[in-house]
Protein backbone atom coordinates (compact mmCIF):
# COMPACT_ATOMS: atom_id res chain seq x y z
CA MET A 1 2.37 -16.93 -51.02
CA ASP A 2 5.32 -16.67 -53.74
CA TYR A 3 4.31 -18.19 -56.73
CA GLN A 4 6.94 -17.11 -58.89
CA VAL A 5 8.86 -19.99 -58.66
CA LYS A 6 5.74 -22.54 -58.82
CA LEU A 7 4.68 -20.86 -62.00
CA THR A 8 8.03 -20.81 -63.39
CA GLU A 9 8.13 -24.64 -62.81
CA GLN A 10 4.38 -25.61 -63.98
CA LEU A 11 5.01 -23.14 -67.36
CA GLN A 12 8.29 -24.73 -68.42
CA ILE A 13 5.97 -27.95 -69.43
CA ILE A 14 5.47 -25.62 -73.24
CA VAL A 15 9.45 -25.14 -73.45
CA GLY A 16 10.19 -27.32 -76.97
CA LYS A 17 6.78 -27.10 -77.50
CA GLN A 18 5.40 -25.48 -80.92
CA LEU A 19 3.39 -21.92 -80.95
CA ASP A 20 0.59 -23.58 -83.65
CA ALA A 21 -1.89 -20.58 -83.00
CA ILE A 22 -3.01 -17.55 -82.11
CA HIS A 23 -6.26 -16.06 -81.83
CA LEU A 24 -8.41 -12.97 -80.71
CA ALA A 25 -11.57 -12.31 -78.89
CA CYS A 26 -12.37 -8.75 -77.96
CA GLU A 27 -8.95 -8.15 -76.04
CA MET A 28 -8.36 -11.21 -75.20
CA MET A 29 -5.26 -13.55 -76.93
CA MET A 30 -5.72 -17.09 -76.96
CA ILE A 31 -2.56 -18.60 -77.87
CA SER A 32 -2.07 -22.25 -78.20
CA PHE A 33 1.29 -24.38 -77.73
CA GLU A 34 0.54 -27.51 -79.14
CA GLU A 35 -2.43 -29.36 -76.67
CA TYR A 36 -1.42 -26.17 -73.79
CA ALA A 37 -3.39 -23.26 -74.10
CA LEU A 38 -3.00 -19.80 -72.78
CA HIS A 39 -5.46 -17.13 -72.51
CA THR A 40 -4.18 -12.96 -71.70
CA GLN A 41 -6.74 -10.62 -70.96
CA CYS A 42 -3.81 -8.26 -69.47
CA LEU A 43 -1.82 -6.08 -71.42
CA THR A 44 0.49 -8.63 -74.06
CA ARG A 45 3.01 -7.59 -76.54
CA ILE A 46 4.07 -9.76 -79.15
CA VAL A 47 7.77 -8.76 -79.74
CA TYR A 48 10.13 -9.67 -82.58
CA GLU A 49 13.82 -8.23 -83.19
CA ASN A 50 12.85 -5.73 -80.76
CA ASN A 51 10.11 -4.13 -82.80
CA ILE A 52 6.30 -4.56 -81.17
CA LEU A 53 4.26 -6.44 -83.52
CA VAL A 54 1.18 -6.50 -81.61
CA THR A 55 -0.40 -5.47 -78.31
CA THR A 56 -3.66 -6.37 -76.74
CA LEU A 57 -4.31 -2.59 -76.39
CA ASP A 58 -4.56 -2.09 -80.58
CA TYR A 59 -8.01 -3.49 -79.83
CA GLN A 60 -8.71 -0.18 -78.95
CA SER A 61 -8.27 1.60 -82.29
CA TRP A 62 -11.36 0.03 -83.65
CA ASP A 63 -14.83 1.06 -85.60
CA GLY A 64 -16.81 0.28 -82.55
CA GLU A 65 -19.19 -1.60 -85.00
CA ASP A 66 -17.17 -4.52 -85.94
CA GLU A 67 -15.02 -6.31 -83.27
CA SER A 68 -12.76 -7.37 -86.07
CA HIS A 69 -12.47 -4.14 -87.08
CA ASN A 70 -9.39 -2.83 -84.74
CA ASP A 71 -5.32 -2.54 -84.85
CA GLU A 72 -4.98 -5.86 -83.21
CA TRP A 73 -6.58 -8.03 -85.46
CA TYR A 74 -5.38 -6.44 -88.30
CA PHE A 75 -1.37 -6.54 -86.93
CA VAL A 76 -2.33 -10.24 -85.93
CA GLU A 77 -3.25 -11.16 -89.12
CA MET A 78 -0.49 -8.84 -90.85
CA TYR A 79 2.42 -10.69 -88.69
CA ARG A 80 0.70 -14.38 -88.29
CA GLU A 81 3.44 -16.25 -90.46
CA LYS A 82 5.90 -14.67 -88.02
CA ILE A 83 4.22 -15.30 -85.37
CA VAL A 84 2.91 -19.07 -85.12
CA GLY A 85 5.49 -21.72 -86.13
CA GLY A 86 8.36 -20.85 -83.10
CA ILE A 87 9.14 -23.41 -80.88
CA VAL A 88 9.22 -22.45 -76.75
CA THR A 89 13.33 -22.04 -75.89
CA SER A 90 12.53 -20.63 -72.45
CA VAL A 91 9.62 -19.09 -70.09
CA ASN A 92 9.98 -16.97 -66.98
CA VAL A 93 7.67 -15.11 -64.64
CA ASN A 94 8.87 -12.54 -62.11
CA SER A 95 7.24 -12.09 -58.86
CA ALA A 96 4.71 -9.78 -60.12
CA HIS A 97 3.61 -12.41 -61.97
CA ASP A 98 4.68 -11.18 -65.48
CA LEU A 99 5.40 -14.02 -68.30
CA LEU A 100 7.97 -13.77 -70.52
CA ILE A 101 8.08 -16.62 -73.45
CA ILE A 102 10.97 -16.57 -76.18
CA LEU A 103 10.47 -18.88 -79.25
CA ASP A 104 13.19 -20.06 -81.49
CA ASN A 105 12.01 -17.64 -84.32
CA GLY A 106 12.40 -14.06 -82.58
CA ILE A 107 9.56 -13.92 -81.05
CA ARG A 108 9.03 -12.61 -77.29
CA ILE A 109 5.61 -12.95 -75.92
CA GLU A 110 5.33 -10.36 -73.15
CA MET A 111 2.40 -10.43 -70.47
CA PHE A 112 2.23 -7.53 -67.86
CA VAL A 113 -0.14 -8.00 -65.19
CA LYS A 114 -2.17 -4.93 -63.70
CA ASN A 115 -1.14 -5.14 -60.37
CA GLY A 116 -3.40 -2.40 -58.86
CA TYR A 117 -6.79 -3.17 -56.86
CA HIS A 118 -9.21 -0.01 -57.40
CA HIS A 119 -11.70 0.94 -54.68
CA PHE A 120 -14.65 0.04 -57.30
CA ASP A 121 -13.18 -2.96 -58.68
CA ASP A 122 -12.75 -6.60 -58.00
CA GLU A 123 -9.95 -8.58 -59.05
CA HIS A 124 -9.80 -9.67 -62.85
CA GLU A 125 -7.99 -12.79 -64.52
CA GLN A 126 -5.22 -11.57 -66.06
CA TRP A 127 -4.07 -14.78 -67.99
CA ALA A 128 -4.78 -18.24 -67.45
CA PHE A 129 -2.86 -21.20 -68.87
CA PHE A 130 -4.10 -25.22 -68.84
CA LYS A 131 -4.29 -28.07 -71.27
CA ARG A 132 -6.50 -27.11 -73.81
CA HIS A 133 -9.05 -29.96 -75.07
CA ASP A 134 -10.13 -31.21 -71.66
CA HIS A 135 -8.72 -28.08 -69.16
CA ALA A 136 -6.65 -30.84 -67.40
CA PHE A 137 -4.23 -29.83 -64.42
CA PRO A 138 -2.82 -27.92 -64.12
CA TYR A 139 -4.95 -25.37 -64.37
CA ILE A 140 -3.43 -22.04 -63.49
CA THR A 141 -5.21 -18.27 -63.39
CA VAL A 142 -3.34 -15.17 -62.07
CA TYR A 143 -5.16 -12.25 -61.09
CA GLY A 144 -4.00 -8.85 -60.12
CA LYS A 145 -2.71 -9.62 -56.78
CA THR A 146 -3.36 -13.86 -56.59
CA VAL A 147 -2.66 -16.72 -57.74
CA ASP A 148 -4.85 -20.10 -58.19
CA ILE A 149 -3.51 -23.46 -59.13
CA ALA A 150 -5.65 -26.02 -59.64
CA GLU A 151 -4.36 -29.61 -59.16
CA LYS A 152 -7.79 -31.16 -59.01
CA TRP A 153 -11.24 -30.50 -59.15
C-alpha cells in the first residue's frame, strides 16, 4: 500500500503548531509540536539556512561513559534557541516515507528512513508520531519498509 498521501494528510495536523521542545535519548530525537510528538530513530538532520546544525549521527562521537557526552547533545544545546519556537509551515512525506518539516524560523527537519532489509535483522522503527499526553489517535509508526497507522485500539 502507498502510504505517502495518507501520511502527508495525517501530519498536516501540526501545520500551524509551534515546535516547543526537543529532547534526546541516546540516538533518538523527541520533538514536540504543542500536543503532538515526533520520535525519530532514523537519520535526522536539523538544518538552518542550509547549514546542518545537528544530526542523530552526531551521537556516535561520544566518550562511551555518559550518554550526554556527544556531539548530538552538544549541538542541540548550542542551537536550542534557534530550533525551538518556530511554527510549522509545511509537512511533506515522500514515497520512501522520509519526512520534511519546514518551520517559519528557517529550521528544516529532515528525516531519512533506512530502507534496507538486512539478512540478520528485523525491521526497526524509524519514526513515530502521536498525541503527546494520551497517545491518542492517530498513532503512526514508520518502519524501514512498512507503516502502521493505528486509528483505534
